[in-house]
Protein backbone atom coordinates (compact mmCIF):
# COMPACT_ATOMS: atom_id res chain seq x y z
CA UNK A 1 -5.22 -4.73 -15.56
CA UNK A 2 -1.88 -5.77 -14.18
CA UNK A 3 -0.23 -4.47 -11.04
CA UNK A 4 3.52 -3.85 -11.23
CA UNK A 5 6.19 -3.50 -8.55
CA UNK A 6 9.79 -2.66 -9.41
CA UNK A 7 12.82 -3.56 -7.32
CA UNK A 8 16.58 -3.77 -7.54
CA UNK A 9 17.52 -0.14 -7.92
CA UNK A 10 20.46 1.32 -6.04
CA UNK A 11 23.79 3.08 -6.23
CA UNK A 12 26.46 1.76 -8.58
CA UNK A 13 29.73 3.13 -9.91
CA UNK A 14 30.17 4.03 -13.55
CA UNK A 15 31.07 0.95 -15.56
CA UNK A 16 29.23 -1.31 -13.17
CA UNK A 17 26.14 -3.45 -13.61
CA UNK A 18 22.72 -3.65 -12.02
CA UNK A 19 19.59 -5.68 -12.66
CA UNK A 20 16.17 -4.26 -11.93
CA UNK A 21 13.09 -6.44 -11.75
CA UNK A 22 9.39 -5.88 -12.14
CA UNK A 23 6.97 -8.30 -10.50
CA UNK A 24 3.49 -8.42 -11.96
CA UNK A 25 0.19 -9.62 -10.63
CA UNK A 26 -2.95 -10.09 -12.68
CA UNK A 27 -4.06 -12.41 -15.41
CA UNK A 28 -2.96 -10.28 -18.34
CA UNK A 29 0.80 -10.27 -17.75
CA UNK A 30 1.66 -13.16 -20.06
CA UNK A 31 -0.33 -11.60 -22.90
CA UNK A 32 1.09 -8.11 -22.41
CA UNK A 33 4.11 -6.54 -23.98
CA UNK A 34 6.30 -4.96 -21.31
CA UNK A 35 8.41 -1.88 -21.35
CA UNK A 36 10.98 -0.07 -19.26
CA UNK A 37 11.04 3.71 -19.16
CA UNK A 38 13.15 6.10 -17.13
CA UNK A 39 12.89 9.66 -15.90
CA UNK A 40 15.85 11.72 -14.79
CA UNK A 41 15.42 14.80 -12.59
CA UNK A 42 14.09 17.69 -14.63
CA UNK A 43 13.64 15.59 -17.74
CA UNK A 44 10.75 13.90 -19.48
CA UNK A 45 10.10 10.20 -19.16
CA UNK A 46 11.93 8.34 -21.91
CA UNK A 47 11.70 4.89 -23.46
CA UNK A 48 14.42 2.40 -22.58
CA UNK A 49 13.36 -1.04 -23.82
CA UNK A 50 10.36 -3.21 -24.67
CA UNK A 51 9.70 -6.92 -25.00
CA UNK A 52 6.83 -8.79 -26.62
CA UNK A 53 4.47 -11.01 -24.66
CA UNK A 54 6.35 -14.16 -25.65
CA UNK A 55 9.78 -12.63 -25.17
CA UNK A 56 10.77 -13.35 -28.76
CA UNK A 57 10.99 -9.72 -29.86
CA UNK A 58 12.75 -6.82 -28.17
CA UNK A 59 13.40 -3.15 -28.87
CA UNK A 60 15.88 -0.72 -27.34
CA UNK A 61 16.54 2.97 -27.26
CA UNK A 62 19.73 3.86 -29.11
CA UNK A 63 21.23 5.23 -25.90
CA UNK A 64 21.17 1.80 -24.22
CA UNK A 65 21.55 -0.58 -27.16
CA UNK A 66 24.38 -3.03 -26.55
CA UNK A 67 24.50 -2.24 -22.82
CA UNK A 68 21.02 -3.12 -21.53
CA UNK A 69 19.05 -6.34 -21.97
CA UNK A 70 15.35 -6.77 -21.34
CA UNK A 71 14.00 -10.23 -20.59
CA UNK A 72 10.95 -11.82 -19.02
CA UNK A 73 9.93 -14.99 -17.22
CA UNK A 74 6.21 -15.54 -17.73
CA UNK A 75 6.22 -18.45 -15.27
CA UNK A 76 7.36 -16.00 -12.58
CA UNK A 77 5.33 -13.03 -13.85
CA UNK A 78 8.51 -10.97 -13.88
CA UNK A 79 10.33 -8.76 -16.36
CA UNK A 80 13.97 -7.80 -15.95
CA UNK A 81 16.32 -5.11 -17.16
CA UNK A 82 19.98 -6.05 -17.00
CA UNK A 83 22.10 -2.91 -17.18
CA UNK A 84 25.82 -3.16 -17.93
CA UNK A 85 28.50 -0.55 -18.53
CA UNK A 86 26.43 1.97 -16.65
CA UNK A 87 27.08 5.67 -17.15
CA UNK A 88 26.22 8.64 -14.92
CA UNK A 89 23.66 9.70 -17.52
CA UNK A 90 21.76 6.47 -16.84
CA UNK A 91 20.82 7.88 -13.44
CA UNK A 92 17.01 8.00 -13.25
CA UNK A 93 13.92 6.48 -11.78
CA UNK A 94 13.18 3.36 -13.80
CA UNK A 95 9.57 2.36 -14.41
CA UNK A 96 8.13 -0.80 -15.87
CA UNK A 97 4.88 -0.70 -17.78
CA UNK A 98 2.44 -3.09 -19.43
CA UNK A 99 0.92 -2.80 -22.89
CA UNK A 100 -2.10 -5.05 -23.44
CA UNK A 101 -1.20 -5.36 -27.12
CA UNK A 102 1.29 -8.16 -26.69
CA UNK A 103 3.01 -7.99 -30.06
CA UNK A 104 3.49 -4.22 -30.11
CA UNK A 105 6.93 -2.93 -29.14
CA UNK A 106 5.93 0.63 -28.52
CA UNK A 107 8.13 3.45 -27.28
CA UNK A 108 5.08 5.65 -26.63
CA UNK A 109 4.19 5.83 -22.93
CA UNK A 110 0.57 6.44 -23.93
CA UNK A 111 0.29 2.86 -25.18
CA UNK A 112 1.06 1.44 -21.73
CA UNK A 113 -1.94 1.19 -19.44
CA UNK A 114 -0.29 -0.04 -16.24
CA UNK A 115 2.76 1.38 -14.49
CA UNK A 116 4.83 0.55 -11.47
CA UNK A 117 5.92 3.05 -8.83
CA UNK A 118 9.51 3.16 -10.07
CA UNK A 119 12.92 2.27 -8.66
CA UNK A 120 15.83 4.71 -8.42
CA UNK A 121 19.11 3.90 -10.14
CA UNK A 122 22.02 6.18 -9.34
CA UNK A 123 25.31 5.87 -11.22
CA UNK A 124 28.25 7.67 -9.67
CA UNK A 125 31.23 8.90 -11.69
């Protein structure tokens, strides 16, 4: 198991940028694929991005492709989501999650066994 804590959320204007981080504890972080999901009020949780255990492979939802970048630093046990050109529809609680299958880039929340508590990102128009 890995414990996850997100940080870096906040209020930003449309067109702006924000980076959210997810600090992990536990021995399985460096062998886990990591994902970011988000949930807007009244909507289901949706996939945003995923990164393999080594950081070599990434996957993005079409809605964020070209604007968001997922990265990780295994020496710091941290995964990041850099968000640029933010839109009001990006407003949501952002969650990071760990998938013990390190090479899988899944968009299915059911494949992620550990979740953080979430960090709120609000994009104003």
